[in-house]
PDB file of N, CA and C in Angstrom:
ATOM      1  N   UNK A   1      78.771  73.345  78.825  1.00  0.00           N
ATOM      2  CA  UNK A   1      78.594  74.771  79.525  1.00  0.00           C
ATOM      3  C   UNK A   1      76.943  74.896  79.886  1.00  0.00           C
ATOM      4  N   UNK A   2      76.221  74.026  79.270  1.00  0.00           N
ATOM      5  CA  UNK A   2      74.751  73.796  79.601  1.00  0.00           C
ATOM      6  C   UNK A   2      74.584  73.464  81.054  1.00  0.00           C
ATOM      7  N   UNK A   3      75.539  72.695  81.528  1.00  0.00           N
ATOM      8  CA  UNK A   3      75.307  72.337  83.092  1.00  0.00           C
ATOM      9  C   UNK A   3      75.747  73.488  83.806  1.00  0.00           C
ATOM     10  N   UNK A   4      76.477  74.596  83.544  1.00  0.00           N
ATOM     11  CA  UNK A   4      77.007  75.490  84.361  1.00  0.00           C
ATOM     12  C   UNK A   4      75.909  76.816  84.098  1.00  0.00           C
ATOM     13  N   UNK A   5      75.270  77.265  85.232  1.00  0.00           N
ATOM     14  CA  UNK A   5      74.375  78.444  85.143  1.00  0.00           C
ATOM     15  C   UNK A   5      75.114  79.721  84.407  1.00  0.00           C
ATOM     16  N   UNK A   6      74.685  80.284  83.285  1.00  0.00           N
ATOM     17  CA  UNK A   6      75.070  81.371  82.770  1.00  0.00           C
ATOM     18  C   UNK A   6      75.367  82.525  83.648  1.00  0.00           C
ATOM     19  N   UNK A   7      74.398  82.801  84.630  1.00  0.00           N
ATOM     20  CA  UNK A   7      74.530  84.131  85.329  1.00  0.00           C
ATOM     21  C   UNK A   7      75.459  83.841  86.665  1.00  0.00           C
ATOM     22  N   UNK A   8      75.784  82.424  86.994  1.00  0.00           N
ATOM     23  CA  UNK A   8      76.717  82.262  87.908  1.00  0.00           C
ATOM     24  C   UNK A   8      78.126  82.381  87.426  1.00  0.00           C
ATOM     25  N   UNK A   9      78.337  81.980  86.155  1.00  0.00           N
ATOM     26  CA  UNK A   9      79.356  82.047  85.595  1.00  0.00           C
ATOM     27  C   UNK A   9      79.956  83.602  85.392  1.00  0.00           C
ATOM     28  N   UNK A  10      78.906  84.417  85.110  1.00  0.00           N
ATOM     29  CA  UNK A  10      79.270  85.938  84.817  1.00  0.00           C
ATOM     30  C   UNK A  10      79.451  86.368  86.086  1.00  0.00           C
ATOM     31  N   UNK A  11      78.840  85.944  87.160  1.00  0.00           N
ATOM     32  CA  UNK A  11      79.173  86.589  88.595  1.00  0.00           C
ATOM     33  C   UNK A  11      80.542  86.204  88.952  1.00  0.00           C
ATOM     34  N   UNK A  12      80.979  85.159  88.679  1.00  0.00           N
ATOM     35  CA  UNK A  12      82.432  84.701  88.987  1.00  0.00           C
ATOM     36  C   UNK A  12      83.257  85.453  88.276  1.00  0.00           C
ATOM     37  N   UNK A  13      83.064  85.614  86.915  1.00  0.00           N
ATOM     38  CA  UNK A  13      84.075  86.621  86.285  1.00  0.00           C
ATOM     39  C   UNK A  13      83.838  87.874  86.475  1.00  0.00           C
ATOM     40  N   UNK A  14      82.835  88.493  86.977  1.00  0.00           N
ATOM     41  CA  UNK A  14      82.828  89.778  87.547  1.00  0.00           C
ATOM     42  C   UNK A  14      83.679  89.976  88.778  1.00  0.00           C
ATOM     43  N   UNK A  15      83.575  88.943  89.649  1.00  0.00           N
ATOM     44  CA  UNK A  15      84.521  89.033  90.671  1.00  0.00           C
ATOM     45  C   UNK A  15      85.874  89.144  90.183  1.00  0.00           C
ATOM     46  N   UNK A  16      86.178  88.268  89.221  1.00  0.00           N
ATOM     47  CA  UNK A  16      87.693  88.357  88.801  1.00  0.00           C
ATOM     48  C   UNK A  16      88.077  89.673  88.221  1.00  0.00           C
ATOM     49  N   UNK A  17      87.146  90.140  87.407  1.00  0.00           N
ATOM     50  CA  UNK A  17      87.501  91.380  86.887  1.00  0.00           C
ATOM     51  C   UNK A  17      87.810  92.511  87.997  1.00  0.00           C
ATOM     52  N   UNK A  18      86.847  92.518  89.023  1.00  0.00           N
ATOM     53  CA  UNK A  18      86.989  93.542  90.146  1.00  0.00           C
ATOM     54  C   UNK A  18      88.284  93.179  90.795  1.00  0.00           C
ATOM     55  N   UNK A  19      88.631  92.022  91.176  1.00  0.00           N
ATOM     56  CA  UNK A  19      89.736  91.730  92.056  1.00  0.00           C
ATOM     57  C   UNK A  19      91.007  91.580  91.304  1.00  0.00           C
ATOM     58  N   UNK A  20      91.201  90.954  90.194  1.00  0.00           N
ATOM     59  CA  UNK A  20      92.530  90.969  89.653  1.00  0.00           C
ATOM     60  C   UNK A  20      92.591  91.052  88.209  1.00  0.00           C
ATOM     61  N   UNK A  21      91.477  90.832  87.387  1.00  0.00           N
ATOM     62  CA  UNK A  21      91.685  90.643  86.075  1.00  0.00           C
ATOM     63  C   UNK A  21      90.961  91.756  85.110  1.00  0.00           C
ATOM     64  N   UNK A  22      91.529  92.958  85.230  1.00  0.00           N
ATOM     65  CA  UNK A  22      90.779  94.076  84.554  1.00  0.00           C
ATOM     66  C   UNK A  22      90.765  93.891  82.878  1.00  0.00           C
ATOM     67  N   UNK A  23      91.770  92.901  82.538  1.00  0.00           N
ATOM     68  CA  UNK A  23      91.952  92.772  81.005  1.00  0.00           C
ATOM     69  C   UNK A  23      90.695  92.149  80.348  1.00  0.00           C
ATOM     70  N   UNK A  24      89.720  91.601  81.065  1.00  0.00           N
ATOM     71  CA  UNK A  24      88.562  90.771  80.651  1.00  0.00           C
ATOM     72  C   UNK A  24      87.364  91.845  80.805  1.00  0.00           C
ATOM     73  N   UNK A  25      87.483  92.965  81.289  1.00  0.00           N
ATOM     74  CA  UNK A  25      86.457  93.729  81.724  1.00  0.00           C
ATOM     75  C   UNK A  25      85.342  94.043  80.588  1.00  0.00           C
ATOM     76  N   UNK A  26      85.691  94.297  79.507  1.00  0.00           N
ATOM     77  CA  UNK A  26      84.957  94.777  78.427  1.00  0.00           C
ATOM     78  C   UNK A  26      84.165  93.455  77.932  1.00  0.00           C
ATOM     79  N   UNK A  27      84.794  92.484  77.810  1.00  0.00           N
ATOM     80  CA  UNK A  27      84.133  91.079  77.114  1.00  0.00           C
ATOM     81  C   UNK A  27      83.005  90.821  78.210  1.00  0.00           C
ATOM     82  N   UNK A  28      83.521  90.889  79.429  1.00  0.00           N
ATOM     83  CA  UNK A  28      82.404  90.245  80.501  1.00  0.00           C
ATOM     84  C   UNK A  28      81.363  91.349  80.520  1.00  0.00           C
ATOM     85  N   UNK A  29      81.620  92.596  80.351  1.00  0.00           N
ATOM     86  CA  UNK A  29      80.580  93.638  80.468  1.00  0.00           C
ATOM     87  C   UNK A  29      79.648  93.578  79.273  1.00  0.00           C
ATOM     88  N   UNK A  30      80.156  93.080  78.020  1.00  0.00           N
ATOM     89  CA  UNK A  30      79.178  93.103  77.005  1.00  0.00           C
ATOM     90  C   UNK A  30      78.178  91.689  77.237  1.00  0.00           C
ATOM     91  N   UNK A  31      78.774  90.545  77.571  1.00  0.00           N
ATOM     92  CA  UNK A  31      77.939  89.410  77.787  1.00  0.00           C
ATOM     93  C   UNK A  31      77.182  89.575  79.072  1.00  0.00           C
ATOM     94  N   UNK A  32      77.503  90.309  79.857  1.00  0.00           N
ATOM     95  CA  UNK A  32      76.595  90.429  81.203  1.00  0.00           C
ATOM     96  C   UNK A  32      75.200  91.177  80.874  1.00  0.00           C
ATOM     97  N   UNK A  33      75.251  91.903  79.789  1.00  0.00           N
ATOM     98  CA  UNK A  33      73.836  92.541  79.285  1.00  0.00           C
ATOM     99  C   UNK A  33      72.880  91.537  78.891  1.00  0.00           C
ATOM    100  N   UNK A  34      73.473  90.266  78.606  1.00  0.00           N
ATOM    101  CA  UNK A  34      72.325  89.253  77.946  1.00  0.00           C
ATOM    102  C   UNK A  34      72.072  88.013  79.176  1.00  0.00           C
ATOM    103  N   UNK A  35      72.136  88.485  80.414  1.00  0.00           N
ATOM    104  CA  UNK A  35      71.946  87.391  81.253  1.00  0.00           C
ATOM    105  C   UNK A  35      70.704  86.648  81.318  1.00  0.00           C
ATOM    106  N   UNK A  36      69.600  87.737  80.813  1.00  0.00           N
ATOM    107  CA  UNK A  36      68.338  86.959  80.898  1.00  0.00           C
ATOM    108  C   UNK A  36      67.910  85.928  79.575  1.00  0.00           C
ATOM    109  N   UNK A  37      68.487  86.435  78.532  1.00  0.00           N
ATOM    110  CA  UNK A  37      68.264  85.668  77.334  1.00  0.00           C
ATOM    111  C   UNK A  37      69.696  85.345  76.648  1.00  0.00           C
ATOM    112  N   UNK A  38      70.558  84.605  77.047  1.00  0.00           N
ATOM    113  CA  UNK A  38      71.773  84.265  76.389  1.00  0.00           C
ATOM    114  C   UNK A  38      71.722  83.372  75.292  1.00  0.00           C
ATOM    115  N   UNK A  39      72.371  83.709  74.114  1.00  0.00           N
ATOM    116  CA  UNK A  39      72.224  82.931  72.937  1.00  0.00           C
ATOM    117  C   UNK A  39      73.724  81.972  73.014  1.00  0.00           C
ATOM    118  N   UNK A  40      73.701  81.074  72.136  1.00  0.00           N
ATOM    119  CA  UNK A  40      74.870  80.197  71.824  1.00  0.00           C
ATOM    120  C   UNK A  40      76.127  81.110  71.683  1.00  0.00           C
ATOM    121  N   UNK A  41      76.017  82.014  71.017  1.00  0.00           N
ATOM    122  CA  UNK A  41      77.192  82.834  70.720  1.00  0.00           C
ATOM    123  C   UNK A  41      77.864  83.416  72.101  1.00  0.00           C
ATOM    124  N   UNK A  42      76.863  83.841  72.984  1.00  0.00           N
ATOM    125  CA  UNK A  42      77.263  84.571  74.271  1.00  0.00           C
ATOM    126  C   UNK A  42      77.925  83.360  75.151  1.00  0.00           C
ATOM    127  N   UNK A  43      77.382  82.236  75.167  1.00  0.00           N
ATOM    128  CA  UNK A  43      78.001  81.014  75.867  1.00  0.00           C
ATOM    129  C   UNK A  43      79.379  80.862  75.256  1.00  0.00           C
ATOM    130  N   UNK A  44      79.492  80.907  73.880  1.00  0.00           N
ATOM    131  CA  UNK A  44      80.919  80.558  73.219  1.00  0.00           C
ATOM    132  C   UNK A  44      81.863  81.674  73.751  1.00  0.00           C
ATOM    133  N   UNK A  45      81.351  82.907  73.764  1.00  0.00           N
ATOM    134  CA  UNK A  45      82.211  84.039  74.401  1.00  0.00           C
ATOM    135  C   UNK A  45      82.681  83.785  75.782  1.00  0.00           C
ATOM    136  N   UNK A  46      81.730  83.139  76.619  1.00  0.00           N
ATOM    137  CA  UNK A  46      82.107  82.956  78.096  1.00  0.00           C
ATOM    138  C   UNK A  46      83.295  81.787  78.090  1.00  0.00           C
ATOM    139  N   UNK A  47      82.899  80.701  77.050  1.00  0.00           N
ATOM    140  CA  UNK A  47      83.937  79.681  77.059  1.00  0.00           C
ATOM    141  C   UNK A  47      85.584  80.304  76.499  1.00  0.00           C
ATOM    142  N   UNK A  48      85.428  81.225  75.602  1.00  0.00           N
ATOM    143  CA  UNK A  48      86.728  81.727  75.111  1.00  0.00           C
ATOM    144  C   UNK A  48      87.301  82.441  76.284  1.00  0.00           C
ATOM    145  N   UNK A  49      86.538  83.282  77.076  1.00  0.00           N
ATOM    146  CA  UNK A  49      87.193  83.990  78.217  1.00  0.00           C
ATOM    147  C   UNK A  49      87.752  83.193  79.123  1.00  0.00           C
ATOM    148  N   UNK A  50      87.147  81.956  79.450  1.00  0.00           N
ATOM    149  CA  UNK A  50      87.603  80.923  80.485  1.00  0.00           C
ATOM    150  C   UNK A  50      88.917  80.304  79.912  1.00  0.00           C
ATOM    151  N   UNK A  51      88.911  79.923  78.567  1.00  0.00           N
ATOM    152  CA  UNK A  51      90.210  79.422  78.032  1.00  0.00           C
ATOM    153  C   UNK A  51      91.286  80.382  78.048  1.00  0.00           C
ATOM    154  N   UNK A  52      90.802  81.819  77.726  1.00  0.00           N
ATOM    155  CA  UNK A  52      91.721  82.768  78.063  1.00  0.00           C
ATOM    156  C   UNK A  52      92.588  82.884  79.341  1.00  0.00           C
ATOM    157  N   UNK A  53      91.608  82.924  80.421  1.00  0.00           N
ATOM    158  CA  UNK A  53      92.028  82.798  81.876  1.00  0.00           C
ATOM    159  C   UNK A  53      93.024  81.669  82.099  1.00  0.00           C
ATOM    160  N   UNK A  54      92.812  80.436  81.634  1.00  0.00           N
ATOM    161  CA  UNK A  54      93.446  79.290  81.631  1.00  0.00           C
ATOM    162  C   UNK A  54      94.978  79.610  81.147  1.00  0.00           C
ATOM    163  N   UNK A  55      94.876  80.069  80.041  1.00  0.00           N
ATOM    164  CA  UNK A  55      96.315  80.329  79.374  1.00  0.00           C
ATOM    165  C   UNK A  55      97.037  81.411  79.736  1.00  0.00           C
ATOM    166  N   UNK A  56      96.296  82.334  80.404  1.00  0.00           N
ATOM    167  CA  UNK A  56      97.133  83.291  81.060  1.00  0.00           C
ATOM    168  C   UNK A  56      97.275  83.455  82.572  1.00  0.00           C
ATOM    169  N   UNK A  57      96.895  82.416  83.145  1.00  0.00           N
ATOM    170  CA  UNK A  57      97.017  82.343  84.712  1.00  0.00           C
ATOM    171  C   UNK A  57      98.552  82.780  85.226  1.00  0.00           C
ATOM    172  N   UNK A  58      99.475  82.515  84.457  1.00  0.00           N
ATOM    173  CA  UNK A  58     100.851  82.783  85.059  1.00  0.00           C
ATOM    174  C   UNK A  58     101.208  84.234  84.607  1.00  0.00           C
ATOM    175  N   UNK A  59     100.639  84.888  84.016  1.00  0.00           N
ATOM    176  CA  UNK A  59     101.107  86.215  83.637  1.00  0.00           C
ATOM    177  C   UNK A  59     100.644  87.270  84.775  1.00  0.00           C
ATOM    178  N   UNK A  60     101.653  88.236  84.899  1.00  0.00           N
ATOM    179  CA  UNK A  60     101.427  89.187  85.961  1.00  0.00           C
ATOM    180  C   UNK A  60     101.504  90.510  85.510  1.00  0.00           C
ATOM    181  N   UNK A  61     100.996  91.485  86.336  1.00  0.00           N
ATOM    182  CA  UNK A  61     101.195  92.989  85.941  1.00  0.00           C
ATOM    183  C   UNK A  61     102.360  93.504  86.686  1.00  0.00           C
ATOM    184  N   UNK A  62     103.291  94.201  86.130  1.00  0.00           N
ATOM    185  CA  UNK A  62     104.341  94.610  86.822  1.00  0.00           C
ATOM    186  C   UNK A  62     104.272  96.165  86.929  1.00  0.00           C
ATOM    187  N   UNK A  63     104.245  96.862  88.183  1.00  0.00           N
ATOM    188  CA  UNK A  63     104.305  98.095  88.382  1.00  0.00           C
ATOM    189  C   UNK A  63     105.532  98.519  88.919  1.00  0.00           C
ATOM    190  N   UNK A  64     106.112  99.512  88.487  1.00  0.00           N
ATOM    191  CA  UNK A  64     107.268 100.024  88.904  1.00  0.00           C
ATOM    192  C   UNK A  64     107.095 101.578  89.535  1.00  0.00           C
ATOM    193  N   UNK A  65     107.193 101.679  90.710  1.00  0.00           N
ATOM    194  CA  UNK A  65     107.008 102.973  91.304  1.00  0.00           C
ATOM    195  C   UNK A  65     108.137 103.631  92.114  1.00  0.00           C
ATOM    196  N   UNK A  66     108.672 104.652  91.578  1.00  0.00           N
ATOM    197  CA  UNK A  66     109.960 105.130  92.229  1.00  0.00           C
ATOM    198  C   UNK A  66     111.030 104.103  92.645  1.00  0.00           C
ATOM    199  N   UNK A  67     111.498 103.304  91.630  1.00  0.00           N
ATOM    200  CA  UNK A  67     112.521 102.212  91.898  1.00  0.00           C
ATOM    201  C   UNK A  67     112.035 101.187  92.657  1.00  0.00           C
ATOM    202  N   UNK A  68     110.652 101.016  93.034  1.00  0.00           N
ATOM    203  CA  UNK A  68     110.143  99.920  93.762  1.00  0.00           C
ATOM    204  C   UNK A  68     109.218  99.155  93.017  1.00  0.00           C
ATOM    205  N   UNK A  69     109.583  97.940  92.860  1.00  0.00           N
ATOM    206  CA  UNK A  69     108.812  96.851  91.861  1.00  0.00           C
ATOM    207  C   UNK A  69     107.720  96.369  92.637  1.00  0.00           C
ATOM    208  N   UNK A  70     106.621  96.395  92.082  1.00  0.00           N
ATOM    209  CA  UNK A  70     105.359  95.702  92.830  1.00  0.00           C
ATOM    210  C   UNK A  70     104.647  94.687  91.863  1.00  0.00           C
ATOM    211  N   UNK A  71     104.760  93.396  92.083  1.00  0.00           N
ATOM    212  CA  UNK A  71     104.100  92.464  91.087  1.00  0.00           C
ATOM    213  C   UNK A  71     102.739  92.197  91.724  1.00  0.00           C
ATOM    214  N   UNK A  72     101.801  92.305  90.912  1.00  0.00           N
ATOM    215  CA  UNK A  72     100.208  91.999  90.952  1.00  0.00           C
ATOM    216  C   UNK A  72      99.973  91.053  90.412  1.00  0.00           C
TER     217      UNK A  72
END
């Protein structure tokens, strides 16, 4: 994780939150506050979120609107 810039990783995850992954919004919002002075626990949290995303990449949100199914 040291070879990957912390701020760039947070930026990529913020894009994912806005575009498709609202389930990680709180975690990313918390670690985003420490962009200037991230500690090892913040980096570990980012690693955990990335592992979570890899493990749930095949999960979808299913919306049912007036008997019309929309998969997001």
